[in-house]
């Protein structure tokens, strides 16, 4: 475990939440009244006079460090590293190490990405449509990049995934999980479908295509990774992507869970049911075969899943 001396910890704790967000994620700050701000993701989290308080959850803090640990659920060490800019000093952090989100450069074509996603069973027309809409593309390292946008259509999130046998995964620095990869419905509806990854989301859309169903009339949202509940379920917050989506879509009444068939997926599903069942109808739609939605699609199509070939080797 990384050790930080007390004087560094002391300086990190002096960074207040308003200053941190203003320097690193100014779009997250929304003016409320006078010198009070709320965050765009959590409209009941108020920031004022160097303090912050999350009224809907009943807790608060003094520093950005408190916020990263309590709200965004960073470990203490990871939160300190984020505030330091990892290996930067406090002075360098304030001058040079502000994390700015930038999409990786695009490759001249998307041939490797198209081949890779088709090998995972994803429908080719769906792939091409996502490329046309700048939702996915190939970077210079032949990775597939999944892009998420904010309500103003500004890219705010990106996940890179290797298209070879390395199983490389990397969340682009400065990404905001509240704006994870999604396919928006062309119609107003009262439901949203949740997935752990963009691959699973595209796999579900492909399954709908195979059943001659209109995937484009459904709201499909990736949680940008495994949702890890806190030890005490009452202290568990919602995934940032889901929390932001529900705040933006008050008409939602049903939430479909398409999470993995492993222990982590089942624990996540149970936690979401506990947290949300009083306000929403929660439908657990985990795949009936295989570990995840993509595995189910590959089984259905008779494709041997590349993930498990790597594990076998």
C-alpha atoms as a PDB file:
ATOM      1  CA  UNK A   1       0.000   0.000   0.000  1.00  0.00           C
ATOM      2  CA  UNK A   2       1.303   3.462  -0.887  1.00  0.00           C
ATOM      3  CA  UNK A   3       2.378   5.540   2.139  1.00  0.00           C
ATOM      4  CA  UNK A   4       1.867   9.297   2.250  1.00  0.00           C
ATOM      5  CA  UNK A   5       3.513  11.307   5.046  1.00  0.00           C
ATOM      6  CA  UNK A   6       1.261  13.281   7.427  1.00  0.00           C
ATOM      7  CA  UNK A   7       2.241  16.671   5.945  1.00  0.00           C
ATOM      8  CA  UNK A   8       1.055  15.571   2.475  1.00  0.00           C
ATOM      9  CA  UNK A   9      -2.223  14.217   3.886  1.00  0.00           C
ATOM     10  CA  UNK A  10      -2.712  17.495   5.750  1.00  0.00           C
ATOM     11  CA  UNK A  11      -2.292  19.510   2.549  1.00  0.00           C
ATOM     12  CA  UNK A  12      -4.634  17.214   0.618  1.00  0.00           C
ATOM     13  CA  UNK A  13      -7.314  17.685   3.263  1.00  0.00           C
ATOM     14  CA  UNK A  14      -7.066  21.446   2.753  1.00  0.00           C
ATOM     15  CA  UNK A  15      -8.433  21.114  -0.804  1.00  0.00           C
ATOM     16  CA  UNK A  16     -12.128  21.987  -0.546  1.00  0.00           C
ATOM     17  CA  UNK A  17     -14.731  20.459  -2.840  1.00  0.00           C
ATOM     18  CA  UNK A  18     -15.640  23.691  -4.651  1.00  0.00           C
ATOM     19  CA  UNK A  19     -11.996  24.353  -5.586  1.00  0.00           C
ATOM     20  CA  UNK A  20     -11.481  20.758  -6.671  1.00  0.00           C
ATOM     21  CA  UNK A  21     -14.551  20.702  -8.929  1.00  0.00           C
ATOM     22  CA  UNK A  22     -13.897  24.182 -10.321  1.00  0.00           C
ATOM     23  CA  UNK A  23     -10.373  23.153 -11.372  1.00  0.00           C
ATOM     24  CA  UNK A  24     -11.087  19.592 -12.487  1.00  0.00           C
ATOM     25  CA  UNK A  25     -14.745  19.263 -13.421  1.00  0.00           C
ATOM     26  CA  UNK A  26     -16.340  22.730 -13.691  1.00  0.00           C
ATOM     27  CA  UNK A  27     -19.375  21.393 -15.586  1.00  0.00           C
ATOM     28  CA  UNK A  28     -20.300  19.497 -12.428  1.00  0.00           C
ATOM     29  CA  UNK A  29     -20.839  22.756 -10.500  1.00  0.00           C
ATOM     30  CA  UNK A  30     -24.324  24.281 -10.722  1.00  0.00           C
ATOM     31  CA  UNK A  31     -25.054  27.608  -9.022  1.00  0.00           C
ATOM     32  CA  UNK A  32     -27.910  27.299  -6.529  1.00  0.00           C
ATOM     33  CA  UNK A  33     -28.093  30.613  -4.653  1.00  0.00           C
ATOM     34  CA  UNK A  34     -25.679  33.286  -3.387  1.00  0.00           C
ATOM     35  CA  UNK A  35     -22.466  31.335  -2.588  1.00  0.00           C
ATOM     36  CA  UNK A  36     -24.137  27.910  -2.632  1.00  0.00           C
ATOM     37  CA  UNK A  37     -23.637  25.348  -5.393  1.00  0.00           C
ATOM     38  CA  UNK A  38     -24.974  21.876  -6.094  1.00  0.00           C
ATOM     39  CA  UNK A  39     -23.455  19.171  -8.265  1.00  0.00           C
ATOM     40  CA  UNK A  40     -24.976  18.274 -11.606  1.00  0.00           C
ATOM     41  CA  UNK A  41     -24.906  14.574 -10.726  1.00  0.00           C
ATOM     42  CA  UNK A  42     -26.410  14.962  -7.222  1.00  0.00           C
ATOM     43  CA  UNK A  43     -28.765  17.931  -7.075  1.00  0.00           C
ATOM     44  CA  UNK A  44     -29.276  17.543  -3.321  1.00  0.00           C
ATOM     45  CA  UNK A  45     -25.530  17.765  -2.595  1.00  0.00           C
ATOM     46  CA  UNK A  46     -24.952  21.398  -1.630  1.00  0.00           C
ATOM     47  CA  UNK A  47     -21.557  23.132  -1.378  1.00  0.00           C
ATOM     48  CA  UNK A  48     -21.193  26.318   0.662  1.00  0.00           C
ATOM     49  CA  UNK A  49     -18.525  28.112   2.730  1.00  0.00           C
ATOM     50  CA  UNK A  50     -15.955  25.367   2.300  1.00  0.00           C
ATOM     51  CA  UNK A  51     -18.372  22.647   3.430  1.00  0.00           C
ATOM     52  CA  UNK A  52     -20.628  20.220   1.579  1.00  0.00           C
ATOM     53  CA  UNK A  53     -23.668  18.207   2.596  1.00  0.00           C
ATOM     54  CA  UNK A  54     -25.631  15.543   0.700  1.00  0.00           C
ATOM     55  CA  UNK A  55     -29.151  16.129   1.992  1.00  0.00           C
ATOM     56  CA  UNK A  56     -30.817  13.120   0.354  1.00  0.00           C
ATOM     57  CA  UNK A  57     -28.276  10.793   2.002  1.00  0.00           C
ATOM     58  CA  UNK A  58     -27.865  12.656   5.290  1.00  0.00           C
ATOM     59  CA  UNK A  59     -24.095  13.110   5.433  1.00  0.00           C
ATOM     60  CA  UNK A  60     -21.444  15.617   4.418  1.00  0.00           C
ATOM     61  CA  UNK A  61     -17.846  16.703   4.835  1.00  0.00           C
ATOM     62  CA  UNK A  62     -15.318  19.509   4.665  1.00  0.00           C
ATOM     63  CA  UNK A  63     -12.920  18.485   1.925  1.00  0.00           C
ATOM     64  CA  UNK A  64     -12.693  17.108  -1.592  1.00  0.00           C
ATOM     65  CA  UNK A  65     -11.058  14.063  -0.001  1.00  0.00           C
ATOM     66  CA  UNK A  66     -14.221  13.424   2.039  1.00  0.00           C
ATOM     67  CA  UNK A  67     -16.286  13.729  -1.148  1.00  0.00           C
ATOM     68  CA  UNK A  68     -14.188  11.265  -3.168  1.00  0.00           C
ATOM     69  CA  UNK A  69     -14.290   8.681  -0.382  1.00  0.00           C
ATOM     70  CA  UNK A  70     -17.909   9.062   0.750  1.00  0.00           C
ATOM     71  CA  UNK A  71     -19.703   9.931  -2.505  1.00  0.00           C
ATOM     72  CA  UNK A  72     -17.604   8.562  -5.356  1.00  0.00           C
ATOM     73  CA  UNK A  73     -16.473   5.618  -3.187  1.00  0.00           C
ATOM     74  CA  UNK A  74     -12.741   5.876  -3.845  1.00  0.00           C
ATOM     75  CA  UNK A  75     -10.435   4.099  -1.435  1.00  0.00           C
ATOM     76  CA  UNK A  76      -8.565   6.555   0.780  1.00  0.00           C
ATOM     77  CA  UNK A  77      -5.304   5.910  -1.093  1.00  0.00           C
ATOM     78  CA  UNK A  78      -6.864   6.305  -4.534  1.00  0.00           C
ATOM     79  CA  UNK A  79      -8.596   9.512  -3.452  1.00  0.00           C
ATOM     80  CA  UNK A  80      -5.286  10.958  -2.228  1.00  0.00           C
ATOM     81  CA  UNK A  81      -3.624   9.937  -5.501  1.00  0.00           C
ATOM     82  CA  UNK A  82      -6.375  11.622  -7.513  1.00  0.00           C
ATOM     83  CA  UNK A  83      -6.018  14.843  -5.547  1.00  0.00           C
ATOM     84  CA  UNK A  84      -2.251  14.738  -5.870  1.00  0.00           C
ATOM     85  CA  UNK A  85      -2.383  13.989  -9.566  1.00  0.00           C
ATOM     86  CA  UNK A  86      -0.799  10.586  -8.717  1.00  0.00           C
ATOM     87  CA  UNK A  87       2.964  11.338  -8.610  1.00  0.00           C
ATOM     88  CA  UNK A  88       2.743  15.119  -8.574  1.00  0.00           C
ATOM     89  CA  UNK A  89       3.499  17.309  -5.606  1.00  0.00           C
ATOM     90  CA  UNK A  90       0.787  19.572  -4.183  1.00  0.00           C
ATOM     91  CA  UNK A  91       2.265  22.578  -6.006  1.00  0.00           C
ATOM     92  CA  UNK A  92       2.543  20.644  -9.281  1.00  0.00           C
ATOM     93  CA  UNK A  93      -1.031  19.424  -8.813  1.00  0.00           C
ATOM     94  CA  UNK A  94      -2.378  22.940  -8.739  1.00  0.00           C
ATOM     95  CA  UNK A  95      -0.260  24.078 -11.688  1.00  0.00           C
ATOM     96  CA  UNK A  96       0.219  21.145 -14.061  1.00  0.00           C
ATOM     97  CA  UNK A  97      -1.669  18.029 -13.093  1.00  0.00           C
ATOM     98  CA  UNK A  98      -5.286  18.982 -13.509  1.00  0.00           C
ATOM     99  CA  UNK A  99      -6.890  16.046 -15.259  1.00  0.00           C
ATOM    100  CA  UNK A 100      -8.377  17.135 -18.559  1.00  0.00           C
ATOM    101  CA  UNK A 101     -10.498  14.679 -20.479  1.00  0.00           C
ATOM    102  CA  UNK A 102      -9.341  14.087 -24.038  1.00  0.00           C
ATOM    103  CA  UNK A 103     -10.426  11.347 -26.412  1.00  0.00           C
ATOM    104  CA  UNK A 104      -7.606   9.165 -27.803  1.00  0.00           C
ATOM    105  CA  UNK A 105      -6.686  10.001 -31.416  1.00  0.00           C
ATOM    106  CA  UNK A 106      -8.642   8.128 -34.067  1.00  0.00           C
ATOM    107  CA  UNK A 107      -7.049   5.603 -36.401  1.00  0.00           C
ATOM    108  CA  UNK A 108      -7.421   6.121 -40.185  1.00  0.00           C
ATOM    109  CA  UNK A 109     -10.102   3.418 -40.293  1.00  0.00           C
ATOM    110  CA  UNK A 110     -12.184   1.156 -38.038  1.00  0.00           C
ATOM    111  CA  UNK A 111     -11.489  -2.188 -39.718  1.00  0.00           C
ATOM    112  CA  UNK A 112      -9.958  -3.880 -36.664  1.00  0.00           C
ATOM    113  CA  UNK A 113     -12.774  -2.706 -34.388  1.00  0.00           C
ATOM    114  CA  UNK A 114     -15.456  -3.931 -36.797  1.00  0.00           C
ATOM    115  CA  UNK A 115     -13.765  -7.333 -37.078  1.00  0.00           C
ATOM    116  CA  UNK A 116     -13.363  -7.621 -33.295  1.00  0.00           C
ATOM    117  CA  UNK A 117     -16.935  -6.672 -32.406  1.00  0.00           C
ATOM    118  CA  UNK A 118     -18.340  -8.993 -35.099  1.00  0.00           C
ATOM    119  CA  UNK A 119     -16.227 -11.794 -33.579  1.00  0.00           C
ATOM    120  CA  UNK A 120     -18.031 -11.114 -30.286  1.00  0.00           C
ATOM    121  CA  UNK A 121     -21.363 -11.598 -32.072  1.00  0.00           C
ATOM    122  CA  UNK A 122     -22.320  -7.911 -32.346  1.00  0.00           C
ATOM    123  CA  UNK A 123     -24.538  -7.070 -35.320  1.00  0.00           C
ATOM    124  CA  UNK A 124     -22.538  -5.365 -38.104  1.00  0.00           C
ATOM    125  CA  UNK A 125     -25.186  -2.744 -38.920  1.00  0.00           C
ATOM    126  CA  UNK A 126     -25.365  -1.829 -35.245  1.00  0.00           C
ATOM    127  CA  UNK A 127     -21.570  -1.434 -35.172  1.00  0.00           C
ATOM    128  CA  UNK A 128     -21.610   0.805 -38.240  1.00  0.00           C
ATOM    129  CA  UNK A 129     -24.415   2.937 -36.806  1.00  0.00           C
ATOM    130  CA  UNK A 130     -22.473   3.438 -33.572  1.00  0.00           C
ATOM    131  CA  UNK A 131     -19.398   4.430 -35.598  1.00  0.00           C
ATOM    132  CA  UNK A 132     -21.464   6.923 -37.624  1.00  0.00           C
ATOM    133  CA  UNK A 133     -22.711   8.477 -34.381  1.00  0.00           C
ATOM    134  CA  UNK A 134     -19.169   8.660 -32.895  1.00  0.00           C
ATOM    135  CA  UNK A 135     -20.168   6.298 -30.099  1.00  0.00           C
ATOM    136  CA  UNK A 136     -17.376   3.864 -30.927  1.00  0.00           C
ATOM    137  CA  UNK A 137     -14.185   4.107 -32.980  1.00  0.00           C
ATOM    138  CA  UNK A 138     -10.699   2.641 -33.388  1.00  0.00           C
ATOM    139  CA  UNK A 139      -7.728   4.423 -31.827  1.00  0.00           C
ATOM    140  CA  UNK A 140      -4.109   4.369 -33.001  1.00  0.00           C
ATOM    141  CA  UNK A 141      -3.366   1.305 -30.854  1.00  0.00           C
ATOM    142  CA  UNK A 142      -6.168  -0.720 -32.500  1.00  0.00           C
ATOM    143  CA  UNK A 143      -8.310  -0.502 -29.369  1.00  0.00           C
ATOM    144  CA  UNK A 144     -12.055  -0.030 -29.578  1.00  0.00           C
ATOM    145  CA  UNK A 145     -13.078   3.184 -27.805  1.00  0.00           C
ATOM    146  CA  UNK A 146     -16.570   3.429 -26.298  1.00  0.00           C
ATOM    147  CA  UNK A 147     -17.615   7.075 -25.824  1.00  0.00           C
ATOM    148  CA  UNK A 148     -20.156   8.595 -23.441  1.00  0.00           C
ATOM    149  CA  UNK A 149     -21.668  12.077 -23.798  1.00  0.00           C
ATOM    150  CA  UNK A 150     -23.246  14.608 -21.470  1.00  0.00           C
ATOM    151  CA  UNK A 151     -26.706  16.125 -22.194  1.00  0.00           C
ATOM    152  CA  UNK A 152     -25.041  18.830 -24.307  1.00  0.00           C
ATOM    153  CA  UNK A 153     -23.550  16.101 -26.543  1.00  0.00           C
ATOM    154  CA  UNK A 154     -20.050  16.806 -25.293  1.00  0.00           C
ATOM    155  CA  UNK A 155     -17.863  13.671 -24.867  1.00  0.00           C
ATOM    156  CA  UNK A 156     -17.178  13.156 -21.155  1.00  0.00           C
ATOM    157  CA  UNK A 157     -16.357   9.471 -20.843  1.00  0.00           C
ATOM    158  CA  UNK A 158     -14.334   6.888 -22.794  1.00  0.00           C
ATOM    159  CA  UNK A 159     -13.333   3.276 -22.238  1.00  0.00           C
ATOM    160  CA  UNK A 160     -10.624   1.662 -24.378  1.00  0.00           C
ATOM    161  CA  UNK A 161     -10.702  -2.089 -24.875  1.00  0.00           C
ATOM    162  CA  UNK A 162      -8.082  -4.168 -26.649  1.00  0.00           C
ATOM    163  CA  UNK A 163      -9.080  -6.017 -29.800  1.00  0.00           C
ATOM    164  CA  UNK A 164      -6.360  -8.660 -29.462  1.00  0.00           C
ATOM    165  CA  UNK A 165      -5.725 -11.464 -26.954  1.00  0.00           C
ATOM    166  CA  UNK A 166      -4.366  -9.109 -24.254  1.00  0.00           C
ATOM    167  CA  UNK A 167      -7.812  -8.308 -22.778  1.00  0.00           C
ATOM    168  CA  UNK A 168      -6.570  -4.728 -22.289  1.00  0.00           C
ATOM    169  CA  UNK A 169      -9.052  -2.341 -20.655  1.00  0.00           C
ATOM    170  CA  UNK A 170      -8.419   1.302 -19.801  1.00  0.00           C
ATOM    171  CA  UNK A 171     -10.717   4.115 -18.719  1.00  0.00           C
ATOM    172  CA  UNK A 172      -9.455   7.333 -20.291  1.00  0.00           C
ATOM    173  CA  UNK A 173      -8.052   9.785 -17.749  1.00  0.00           C
ATOM    174  CA  UNK A 174     -10.558  12.434 -16.712  1.00  0.00           C
ATOM    175  CA  UNK A 175     -13.567  10.285 -17.650  1.00  0.00           C
ATOM    176  CA  UNK A 176     -16.748  10.907 -15.657  1.00  0.00           C
ATOM    177  CA  UNK A 177     -18.740   7.731 -14.995  1.00  0.00           C
ATOM    178  CA  UNK A 178     -21.982   9.717 -14.821  1.00  0.00           C
ATOM    179  CA  UNK A 179     -21.784   9.992 -18.612  1.00  0.00           C
ATOM    180  CA  UNK A 180     -20.991   6.390 -19.492  1.00  0.00           C
ATOM    181  CA  UNK A 181     -21.709   4.672 -22.795  1.00  0.00           C
ATOM    182  CA  UNK A 182     -25.399   4.395 -23.689  1.00  0.00           C
ATOM    183  CA  UNK A 183     -27.830   4.019 -26.550  1.00  0.00           C
ATOM    184  CA  UNK A 184     -30.674   6.475 -26.210  1.00  0.00           C
ATOM    185  CA  UNK A 185     -34.236   5.538 -27.062  1.00  0.00           C
ATOM    186  CA  UNK A 186     -35.851   7.228 -30.050  1.00  0.00           C
ATOM    187  CA  UNK A 187     -39.151   7.184 -28.146  1.00  0.00           C
ATOM    188  CA  UNK A 188     -40.139   8.384 -24.706  1.00  0.00           C
ATOM    189  CA  UNK A 189     -40.510   5.367 -22.469  1.00  0.00           C
ATOM    190  CA  UNK A 190     -40.678   4.630 -18.774  1.00  0.00           C
ATOM    191  CA  UNK A 191     -37.883   2.045 -18.538  1.00  0.00           C
ATOM    192  CA  UNK A 192     -34.107   1.702 -18.674  1.00  0.00           C
ATOM    193  CA  UNK A 193     -31.905  -1.390 -19.166  1.00  0.00           C
ATOM    194  CA  UNK A 194     -28.646  -1.621 -17.179  1.00  0.00           C
ATOM    195  CA  UNK A 195     -25.441  -3.429 -18.166  1.00  0.00           C
ATOM    196  CA  UNK A 196     -21.990  -3.741 -16.636  1.00  0.00           C
ATOM    197  CA  UNK A 197     -20.193  -2.996 -19.903  1.00  0.00           C
ATOM    198  CA  UNK A 198     -20.639  -1.520 -23.367  1.00  0.00           C
ATOM    199  CA  UNK A 199     -20.029  -4.959 -24.907  1.00  0.00           C
ATOM    200  CA  UNK A 200     -22.943  -6.421 -22.931  1.00  0.00           C
ATOM    201  CA  UNK A 201     -25.133  -3.476 -23.941  1.00  0.00           C
ATOM    202  CA  UNK A 202     -24.379  -3.988 -27.643  1.00  0.00           C
ATOM    203  CA  UNK A 203     -24.910  -7.725 -27.199  1.00  0.00           C
ATOM    204  CA  UNK A 204     -28.401  -7.116 -25.820  1.00  0.00           C
ATOM    205  CA  UNK A 205     -29.239  -4.800 -28.731  1.00  0.00           C
ATOM    206  CA  UNK A 206     -28.029  -7.554 -31.079  1.00  0.00           C
ATOM    207  CA  UNK A 207     -30.261 -10.101 -29.338  1.00  0.00           C
ATOM    208  CA  UNK A 208     -33.202  -7.765 -29.932  1.00  0.00           C
ATOM    209  CA  UNK A 209     -32.263  -7.520 -33.619  1.00  0.00           C
ATOM    210  CA  UNK A 210     -32.197 -11.324 -33.836  1.00  0.00           C
ATOM    211  CA  UNK A 211     -35.739 -11.345 -32.411  1.00  0.00           C
ATOM    212  CA  UNK A 212     -36.874  -8.626 -34.857  1.00  0.00           C
ATOM    213  CA  UNK A 213     -37.389  -6.170 -31.996  1.00  0.00           C
ATOM    214  CA  UNK A 214     -36.713  -2.429 -32.148  1.00  0.00           C
ATOM    215  CA  UNK A 215     -33.680  -1.944 -29.888  1.00  0.00           C
ATOM    216  CA  UNK A 216     -33.671   1.766 -30.775  1.00  0.00           C
ATOM    217  CA  UNK A 217     -36.918   2.237 -28.850  1.00  0.00           C
ATOM    218  CA  UNK A 218     -35.274   1.091 -25.605  1.00  0.00           C
ATOM    219  CA  UNK A 219     -32.949   3.020 -23.289  1.00  0.00           C
ATOM    220  CA  UNK A 220     -29.735   1.033 -22.810  1.00  0.00           C
ATOM    221  CA  UNK A 221     -27.205   2.213 -20.216  1.00  0.00           C
ATOM    222  CA  UNK A 222     -23.764   0.873 -19.276  1.00  0.00           C
ATOM    223  CA  UNK A 223     -22.651   1.287 -15.652  1.00  0.00           C
ATOM    224  CA  UNK A 224     -19.018   1.530 -16.829  1.00  0.00           C
ATOM    225  CA  UNK A 225     -17.822  -1.441 -14.810  1.00  0.00           C
ATOM    226  CA  UNK A 226     -18.807  -3.651 -11.917  1.00  0.00           C
ATOM    227  CA  UNK A 227     -20.985  -1.939  -9.307  1.00  0.00           C
ATOM    228  CA  UNK A 228     -19.461  -2.712  -5.886  1.00  0.00           C
ATOM    229  CA  UNK A 229     -21.822  -2.268  -2.910  1.00  0.00           C
ATOM    230  CA  UNK A 230     -20.439  -1.037   0.406  1.00  0.00           C
ATOM    231  CA  UNK A 231     -20.132  -3.475   3.312  1.00  0.00           C
ATOM    232  CA  UNK A 232     -23.078  -1.761   4.962  1.00  0.00           C
ATOM    233  CA  UNK A 233     -25.845  -1.718   2.365  1.00  0.00           C
ATOM    234  CA  UNK A 234     -27.368   1.437   3.891  1.00  0.00           C
ATOM    235  CA  UNK A 235     -24.127   3.302   3.106  1.00  0.00           C
ATOM    236  CA  UNK A 236     -24.149   2.256  -0.538  1.00  0.00           C
ATOM    237  CA  UNK A 237     -24.718   4.923  -3.173  1.00  0.00           C
ATOM    238  CA  UNK A 238     -26.135   4.346  -6.618  1.00  0.00           C
ATOM    239  CA  UNK A 239     -23.774   3.936  -9.591  1.00  0.00           C
ATOM    240  CA  UNK A 240     -22.998   7.415 -10.907  1.00  0.00           C
ATOM    241  CA  UNK A 241     -24.322   6.623 -14.385  1.00  0.00           C
ATOM    242  CA  UNK A 242     -27.629   5.345 -13.039  1.00  0.00           C
ATOM    243  CA  UNK A 243     -28.044   8.145 -10.508  1.00  0.00           C
ATOM    244  CA  UNK A 244     -27.510  10.806 -13.178  1.00  0.00           C
ATOM    245  CA  UNK A 245     -29.809   9.031 -15.631  1.00  0.00           C
ATOM    246  CA  UNK A 246     -32.664   8.778 -13.123  1.00  0.00           C
ATOM    247  CA  UNK A 247     -32.280  12.456 -12.195  1.00  0.00           C
ATOM    248  CA  UNK A 248     -32.504  13.363 -15.885  1.00  0.00           C
ATOM    249  CA  UNK A 249     -35.433  11.014 -16.607  1.00  0.00           C
ATOM    250  CA  UNK A 250     -38.035  11.377 -13.832  1.00  0.00           C
ATOM    251  CA  UNK A 251     -40.545   9.440 -15.967  1.00  0.00           C
ATOM    252  CA  UNK A 252     -38.692   6.141 -15.452  1.00  0.00           C
ATOM    253  CA  UNK A 253     -40.750   3.524 -13.629  1.00  0.00           C
ATOM    254  CA  UNK A 254     -39.023   0.237 -14.563  1.00  0.00           C
ATOM    255  CA  UNK A 255     -35.366  -0.750 -14.315  1.00  0.00           C
ATOM    256  CA  UNK A 256     -34.158  -3.939 -16.017  1.00  0.00           C
ATOM    257  CA  UNK A 257     -30.968  -5.447 -14.592  1.00  0.00           C
ATOM    258  CA  UNK A 258     -28.823  -7.338 -17.123  1.00  0.00           C
ATOM    259  CA  UNK A 259     -25.886  -7.892 -14.771  1.00  0.00           C
ATOM    260  CA  UNK A 260     -23.390 -10.761 -14.750  1.00  0.00           C
ATOM    261  CA  UNK A 261     -24.205 -14.229 -13.453  1.00  0.00           C
ATOM    262  CA  UNK A 262     -21.301 -14.160 -10.974  1.00  0.00           C
ATOM    263  CA  UNK A 263     -21.190 -13.346  -7.264  1.00  0.00           C
ATOM    264  CA  UNK A 264     -20.437  -9.664  -7.872  1.00  0.00           C
ATOM    265  CA  UNK A 265     -23.297  -9.351 -10.360  1.00  0.00           C
ATOM    266  CA  UNK A 266     -25.793 -11.029  -8.050  1.00  0.00           C
ATOM    267  CA  UNK A 267     -24.722  -8.885  -5.081  1.00  0.00           C
ATOM    268  CA  UNK A 268     -25.075  -5.769  -7.221  1.00  0.00           C
ATOM    269  CA  UNK A 269     -28.550  -6.803  -8.346  1.00  0.00           C
ATOM    270  CA  UNK A 270     -29.680  -7.448  -4.763  1.00  0.00           C
ATOM    271  CA  UNK A 271     -28.286  -4.076  -3.644  1.00  0.00           C
ATOM    272  CA  UNK A 272     -30.045  -2.168  -6.422  1.00  0.00           C
ATOM    273  CA  UNK A 273     -33.310  -3.933  -5.581  1.00  0.00           C
ATOM    274  CA  UNK A 274     -32.893  -2.920  -1.936  1.00  0.00           C
ATOM    275  CA  UNK A 275     -32.106   0.704  -2.772  1.00  0.00           C
ATOM    276  CA  UNK A 276     -34.671   1.247  -5.527  1.00  0.00           C
ATOM    277  CA  UNK A 277     -37.615  -1.136  -5.152  1.00  0.00           C
ATOM    278  CA  UNK A 278     -39.623   1.392  -3.131  1.00  0.00           C
ATOM    279  CA  UNK A 279     -39.581   3.835  -6.068  1.00  0.00           C
ATOM    280  CA  UNK A 280     -39.212   1.650  -9.168  1.00  0.00           C
ATOM    281  CA  UNK A 281     -40.221  -1.728 -10.502  1.00  0.00           C
ATOM    282  CA  UNK A 282     -36.966  -3.707 -10.638  1.00  0.00           C
ATOM    283  CA  UNK A 283     -36.802  -6.602 -13.109  1.00  0.00           C
ATOM    284  CA  UNK A 284     -33.813  -8.938 -12.780  1.00  0.00           C
ATOM    285  CA  UNK A 285     -33.061 -10.046 -16.353  1.00  0.00           C
ATOM    286  CA  UNK A 286     -29.645 -11.620 -15.957  1.00  0.00           C
ATOM    287  CA  UNK A 287     -28.808 -13.980 -18.865  1.00  0.00           C
ATOM    288  CA  UNK A 288     -30.237 -17.495 -18.605  1.00  0.00           C
ATOM    289  CA  UNK A 289     -26.987 -19.010 -19.930  1.00  0.00           C
ATOM    290  CA  UNK A 290     -23.337 -18.032 -19.595  1.00  0.00           C
ATOM    291  CA  UNK A 291     -21.574 -15.522 -17.399  1.00  0.00           C
ATOM    292  CA  UNK A 292     -22.838 -12.308 -19.032  1.00  0.00           C
ATOM    293  CA  UNK A 293     -24.976 -10.995 -21.884  1.00  0.00           C
ATOM    294  CA  UNK A 294     -22.194 -11.269 -24.446  1.00  0.00           C
ATOM    295  CA  UNK A 295     -21.509 -14.854 -23.406  1.00  0.00           C
ATOM    296  CA  UNK A 296     -25.223 -15.616 -23.820  1.00  0.00           C
ATOM    297  CA  UNK A 297     -25.174 -14.054 -27.309  1.00  0.00           C
ATOM    298  CA  UNK A 298     -22.103 -16.072 -28.307  1.00  0.00           C
ATOM    299  CA  UNK A 299     -23.735 -19.293 -27.091  1.00  0.00           C
ATOM    300  CA  UNK A 300     -26.862 -18.460 -29.046  1.00  0.00           C
ATOM    301  CA  UNK A 301     -24.834 -17.823 -32.207  1.00  0.00           C
ATOM    302  CA  UNK A 302     -22.503 -20.793 -31.717  1.00  0.00           C
ATOM    303  CA  UNK A 303     -19.445 -18.567 -31.280  1.00  0.00           C
ATOM    304  CA  UNK A 304     -16.740 -19.595 -28.840  1.00  0.00           C
ATOM    305  CA  UNK A 305     -16.220 -16.578 -26.602  1.00  0.00           C
ATOM    306  CA  UNK A 306     -12.694 -15.166 -26.884  1.00  0.00           C
ATOM    307  CA  UNK A 307     -12.641 -14.333 -23.156  1.00  0.00           C
ATOM    308  CA  UNK A 308     -12.823 -17.967 -22.176  1.00  0.00           C
ATOM    309  CA  UNK A 309     -10.312 -19.066 -24.798  1.00  0.00           C
ATOM    310  CA  UNK A 310      -7.807 -16.755 -23.099  1.00  0.00           C
ATOM    311  CA  UNK A 311      -8.693 -18.146 -19.675  1.00  0.00           C
ATOM    312  CA  UNK A 312      -8.261 -21.714 -20.907  1.00  0.00           C
ATOM    313  CA  UNK A 313      -4.824 -20.903 -22.324  1.00  0.00           C
END
